[in-house]
Amino acid sequence: MAKSPDSVLSCVDMDGEVLADAVLRYAFRQLLGNNGYVHVVNVPESFDHVAFLKQLGEFQPTSTGTLIGDVKPERGMDDVNHGQNRGALTPHTEGYEFQGLPPRYLALWCVTPPSGSGGETTMLDGNRILAELTEDERQHLRDTVYRWGSTEGLARHGVTPTAKHPVLEEHEGELVLRFSTNYLAVPEGDEPARRLIERGNALFAEQHIAVRYQPRDMVVWDNWRMLHSRNAFEDPARHLKRVQIAA
C-alpha cells in the first residue's frame, strides 16, 4: 500500500513567504540525510533546479550521454521495460549495469504533471530490506560478485551494458546497495540473493511512499540507499526533468 511522503520540504513558510536560500538548503540536507529522500513542494517559478542540485555534486551523464534528461513517453516503447514509456517500473536502484560506482543521488522535477491517475514516483528505504537479512546473508552479498544486465528499452537504442558487482559495497565508509528485480543474474542455489529480491519486492509493495507531482515539484533521493519505481499512467503529456549526481 502506498504511503504519503514523510520527507516533504516546502519552499514557502506559513505566511507564504519564500524561504531564504540558506534555510532551504539546510532543511534539505537534514531531510535527505535522515530519510534518504526529499520531496520539495510549493516551488516558485523563479527556482533554479539545476543550480540548487549542483550543491550535491557533479552531474553524471546517463547511458545516452545527457546530463539533464527528459523523462516523457517515447513512441514504440510501451511494450518493454523502459523509463521512457507509460508503464509501471519494477523496484530498482540506478546504475547497477555500468562499471564503477552508481550515481550517489538522483533528482526529478516536474515540467508537466500527468492528468488522471498514475505517474507517481515510488520509493522505499533499502535499509528496511537489509534489516530483514541475517548478518551472514549480508556478508554473502558483499563477498559475491554478480552479473547485472540492462533493460529492453536501452537495447532498442543499441545500449546493452553489463557489469559485475556485489550487491553491497563499502565506499569511503558508506554502504552502496545495488538492487534490480529483473536484471540481477541470480546463480542457482544463491539463497541470499533470491531472498533479497523476494523480500525487497514484498516490502516495496507494502511500504513504499508515492510522490504525486505538481508543476516544479522536485524529488531527490540517495541512490545508494533508496529503491525507486513508477506507477503506470495514461497521459502522454507527463514530462519530468532528470539528473544523476556522482559520488
Protein backbone atom coordinates (compact mmCIF):
# COMPACT_ATOMS: atom_id res chain seq x y z
CA MET A 1 0.00 0.00 0.00
CA ALA A 2 1.32 3.44 -0.93
CA LYS A 3 2.04 5.92 1.83
CA SER A 4 2.19 9.70 1.65
CA PRO A 5 5.71 11.15 1.60
CA ASP A 6 7.01 11.93 5.09
CA SER A 7 10.05 13.92 3.96
CA VAL A 8 8.36 16.95 2.40
CA LEU A 9 10.02 20.37 2.22
CA SER A 10 8.03 23.47 1.28
CA CYS A 11 9.81 26.36 -0.42
CA VAL A 12 7.46 28.80 1.33
CA ASP A 13 6.72 29.35 5.03
CA MET A 14 3.34 29.54 6.80
CA ASP A 15 2.95 33.17 5.72
CA GLY A 16 3.51 32.32 2.06
CA GLU A 17 6.98 33.87 2.01
CA VAL A 18 9.72 32.13 0.04
CA LEU A 19 12.34 30.62 2.33
CA ALA A 20 15.80 32.13 2.37
CA ASP A 21 18.21 30.09 0.28
CA ALA A 22 20.42 29.15 3.26
CA VAL A 23 17.39 27.96 5.25
CA LEU A 24 16.09 25.88 2.34
CA ARG A 25 19.46 24.26 1.74
CA TYR A 26 19.94 23.43 5.43
CA ALA A 27 16.50 21.83 5.76
CA PHE A 28 17.03 19.94 2.51
CA ARG A 29 20.33 18.45 3.71
CA GLN A 30 18.79 17.42 7.02
CA LEU A 31 15.86 15.62 5.44
CA LEU A 32 17.99 13.94 2.78
CA GLY A 33 20.45 12.62 5.35
CA ASN A 34 17.80 11.49 7.81
CA ASN A 35 15.23 9.98 5.46
CA GLY A 36 17.13 9.20 2.26
CA TYR A 37 14.94 11.42 0.09
CA VAL A 38 13.25 14.84 -0.07
CA HIS A 39 10.06 15.92 -1.86
CA VAL A 40 10.29 19.67 -2.49
CA VAL A 41 6.89 21.37 -2.94
CA ASN A 42 5.42 24.86 -3.40
CA VAL A 43 8.32 25.64 -5.72
CA PRO A 44 8.24 29.22 -7.08
CA GLU A 45 8.66 29.92 -10.80
CA SER A 46 11.98 31.65 -10.07
CA PHE A 47 13.52 28.50 -8.56
CA ASP A 48 16.60 27.23 -10.41
CA HIS A 49 16.53 23.44 -10.06
CA VAL A 50 19.88 22.93 -11.78
CA ALA A 51 21.77 25.46 -9.64
CA PHE A 52 20.23 24.05 -6.47
CA LEU A 53 21.15 20.45 -7.34
CA LYS A 54 24.75 21.30 -8.19
CA GLN A 55 25.34 21.75 -4.46
CA LEU A 56 25.23 17.95 -4.20
CA GLY A 57 28.00 17.27 -6.72
CA GLU A 58 28.83 16.94 -10.39
CA PHE A 59 26.12 15.77 -12.77
CA GLN A 60 26.84 12.32 -14.16
CA PRO A 61 25.95 11.52 -17.79
CA THR A 62 23.21 8.98 -18.45
CA SER A 63 23.62 5.97 -20.73
CA THR A 64 22.81 8.22 -23.72
CA GLY A 65 25.27 10.92 -22.65
CA THR A 66 22.80 13.56 -21.49
CA LEU A 67 23.46 15.50 -18.30
CA ILE A 68 19.93 16.87 -17.92
CA GLY A 69 17.47 14.38 -19.36
CA ASP A 70 13.79 14.49 -20.26
CA VAL A 71 11.54 11.78 -18.87
CA LYS A 72 8.50 11.55 -21.10
CA PRO A 73 6.81 8.80 -23.10
CA GLU A 74 8.65 7.67 -26.20
CA ARG A 75 6.77 6.16 -29.12
CA GLY A 76 7.07 2.44 -29.66
CA MET A 77 8.30 1.66 -26.14
CA ASP A 78 5.14 0.78 -24.24
CA ASP A 79 5.66 -2.96 -24.77
CA VAL A 80 9.04 -3.17 -22.97
CA ASN A 81 10.51 -2.28 -19.58
CA HIS A 82 11.76 1.26 -20.14
CA GLY A 83 11.85 4.53 -18.23
CA GLN A 84 10.66 6.43 -21.31
CA ASN A 85 7.21 4.87 -21.58
CA ARG A 86 3.92 4.92 -19.66
CA GLY A 87 4.21 1.56 -17.97
CA ALA A 88 4.91 0.71 -14.36
CA LEU A 89 8.54 0.10 -13.45
CA THR A 90 9.83 -2.56 -11.10
CA PRO A 91 11.80 -1.56 -7.97
CA HIS A 92 15.48 -0.87 -8.59
CA THR A 93 18.45 1.32 -7.85
CA GLU A 94 20.10 3.21 -10.69
CA GLY A 95 23.36 2.43 -12.46
CA TYR A 96 23.96 -1.21 -11.45
CA GLU A 97 24.62 -2.18 -15.09
CA PHE A 98 27.59 0.19 -15.51
CA GLN A 99 31.19 -0.09 -14.40
CA GLY A 100 32.26 1.82 -11.31
CA LEU A 101 30.12 3.42 -8.65
CA PRO A 102 26.45 4.11 -9.36
CA PRO A 103 25.19 7.71 -9.09
CA ARG A 104 25.00 8.88 -5.49
CA TYR A 105 21.85 10.95 -5.95
CA LEU A 106 19.00 11.08 -8.44
CA ALA A 107 16.69 14.04 -8.92
CA LEU A 108 13.45 14.51 -10.85
CA TRP A 109 11.50 17.73 -11.22
CA CYS A 110 8.14 18.23 -12.84
CA VAL A 111 7.56 20.21 -16.01
CA THR A 112 4.07 18.84 -16.74
CA PRO A 113 2.27 16.53 -14.29
CA PRO A 114 0.03 13.83 -15.74
CA SER A 115 -3.70 14.33 -15.72
CA GLY A 116 -5.71 11.48 -14.29
CA SER A 117 -4.34 8.71 -12.12
CA GLY A 118 -0.86 7.22 -12.02
CA GLY A 119 2.58 8.55 -12.80
CA GLU A 120 3.79 8.74 -9.19
CA THR A 121 7.44 8.14 -8.36
CA THR A 122 7.55 5.43 -5.69
CA MET A 123 10.36 4.74 -3.22
CA LEU A 124 11.40 2.50 -0.34
CA ASP A 125 14.33 2.76 2.07
CA GLY A 126 16.63 -0.16 1.25
CA ASN A 127 17.73 -0.32 4.88
CA ARG A 128 14.35 -1.91 5.64
CA ILE A 129 15.22 -4.81 3.36
CA LEU A 130 18.73 -5.28 4.72
CA ALA A 131 17.35 -5.32 8.28
CA GLU A 132 15.41 -8.49 7.42
CA LEU A 133 18.54 -10.35 6.28
CA THR A 134 20.93 -12.11 8.61
CA GLU A 135 24.49 -10.89 9.05
CA ASP A 136 25.69 -13.99 7.15
CA GLU A 137 23.35 -13.13 4.26
CA ARG A 138 24.55 -9.53 4.17
CA GLN A 139 28.17 -10.70 4.21
CA HIS A 140 27.43 -13.07 1.32
CA LEU A 141 26.02 -10.13 -0.69
CA ARG A 142 29.25 -8.23 0.00
CA ASP A 143 31.53 -11.10 -0.95
CA THR A 144 29.76 -12.39 -4.07
CA VAL A 145 30.23 -10.68 -7.43
CA TYR A 146 27.10 -10.84 -9.60
CA ARG A 147 26.39 -10.13 -13.24
CA TRP A 148 24.00 -7.23 -13.91
CA GLY A 149 22.18 -6.70 -17.21
CA SER A 150 20.15 -3.82 -18.67
CA THR A 151 16.65 -3.09 -19.93
CA GLU A 152 14.98 -3.99 -23.20
CA GLY A 153 14.31 -0.31 -23.78
CA LEU A 154 18.02 0.54 -23.75
CA ALA A 155 18.71 -2.42 -26.03
CA ARG A 156 16.38 -0.97 -28.67
CA HIS A 157 18.65 2.06 -28.73
CA GLY A 158 21.73 -0.12 -29.10
CA VAL A 159 22.82 0.34 -25.49
CA THR A 160 23.44 -3.05 -23.85
CA PRO A 161 25.74 -2.51 -20.88
CA THR A 162 26.59 -5.28 -18.44
CA ALA A 163 28.76 -5.16 -15.35
CA LYS A 164 29.88 -7.29 -12.43
CA HIS A 165 29.43 -6.01 -8.89
CA PRO A 166 28.50 -7.24 -5.44
CA VAL A 167 25.07 -6.24 -4.15
CA LEU A 168 26.64 -4.49 -1.16
CA GLU A 169 29.85 -2.49 -1.36
CA GLU A 170 31.68 -0.18 1.03
CA HIS A 171 32.93 3.15 -0.33
CA GLU A 172 34.75 5.58 1.94
CA GLY A 173 32.89 4.28 4.96
CA GLU A 174 29.44 4.31 3.35
CA LEU A 175 27.35 1.39 2.15
CA VAL A 176 26.33 1.14 -1.51
CA LEU A 177 23.24 -1.01 -2.21
CA ARG A 178 22.52 -2.26 -5.72
CA PHE A 179 19.10 -3.77 -6.47
CA SER A 180 17.25 -4.95 -9.54
CA THR A 181 14.12 -7.04 -9.73
CA ASN A 182 14.79 -8.21 -13.30
CA TYR A 183 18.45 -7.69 -14.17
CA LEU A 184 20.43 -9.18 -11.30
CA ALA A 185 21.52 -12.62 -12.51
CA VAL A 186 20.98 -14.89 -9.51
CA PRO A 187 23.05 -18.08 -9.66
CA GLU A 188 21.25 -21.33 -8.97
CA GLY A 189 21.13 -22.02 -5.25
CA ASP A 190 22.07 -18.47 -4.19
CA GLU A 191 19.52 -18.15 -1.40
CA PRO A 192 20.62 -14.72 -0.04
CA ALA A 193 20.23 -13.07 -3.46
CA ARG A 194 16.88 -14.73 -4.01
CA ARG A 195 15.70 -13.60 -0.56
CA LEU A 196 16.92 -10.07 -1.24
CA ILE A 197 14.77 -9.79 -4.37
CA GLU A 198 11.72 -11.50 -2.88
CA ARG A 199 11.71 -9.50 0.35
CA GLY A 200 12.63 -6.31 -1.49
CA ASN A 201 9.62 -6.57 -3.77
CA ALA A 202 7.29 -7.61 -0.95
CA LEU A 203 8.34 -4.73 1.30
CA PHE A 204 8.18 -2.31 -1.62
CA ALA A 205 4.59 -3.33 -2.31
CA GLU A 206 3.65 -2.99 1.37
CA GLN A 207 5.57 0.10 2.49
CA HIS A 208 6.57 2.30 -0.47
CA ILE A 209 5.85 6.02 -0.48
CA ALA A 210 4.33 7.60 -3.59
CA VAL A 211 5.19 11.10 -4.82
CA ARG A 212 2.42 12.81 -6.78
CA TYR A 213 3.73 15.78 -8.76
CA GLN A 214 2.62 19.38 -9.09
CA PRO A 215 4.40 21.71 -11.55
CA ARG A 216 8.01 22.42 -10.48
CA ASP A 217 7.91 19.86 -7.63
CA MET A 218 11.25 18.11 -7.17
CA VAL A 219 12.16 14.79 -5.59
CA VAL A 220 15.77 13.91 -4.74
CA TRP A 221 16.97 10.63 -3.23
CA ASP A 222 20.09 8.81 -2.13
CA ASN A 223 20.56 6.15 -4.82
CA TRP A 224 22.96 4.16 -2.63
CA ARG A 225 20.14 3.65 -0.13
CA MET A 226 16.70 4.02 -1.75
CA LEU A 227 14.87 1.77 -4.21
CA HIS A 228 12.61 3.58 -6.66
CA SER A 229 9.96 2.77 -9.24
CA ARG A 230 6.99 4.36 -11.02
CA ASN A 231 3.27 3.78 -11.29
CA ALA A 232 1.77 3.36 -14.75
CA PHE A 233 -0.09 6.30 -16.27
CA GLU A 234 -2.02 7.21 -19.44
CA ASP A 235 -1.38 10.91 -20.10
CA PRO A 236 1.36 11.28 -22.79
CA ALA A 237 1.96 14.88 -21.68
CA ARG A 238 3.69 13.82 -18.44
CA HIS A 239 7.13 15.41 -18.50
CA LEU A 240 9.86 15.34 -15.87
CA LYS A 241 13.46 16.50 -15.94
CA ARG A 242 16.13 14.18 -14.54
CA VAL A 243 19.74 14.35 -13.38
CA GLN A 244 22.19 11.86 -11.90
CA ILE A 245 24.70 13.21 -9.41
CA ALA A 246 28.04 11.47 -8.92
CA ALA A 247 29.60 10.50 -5.60
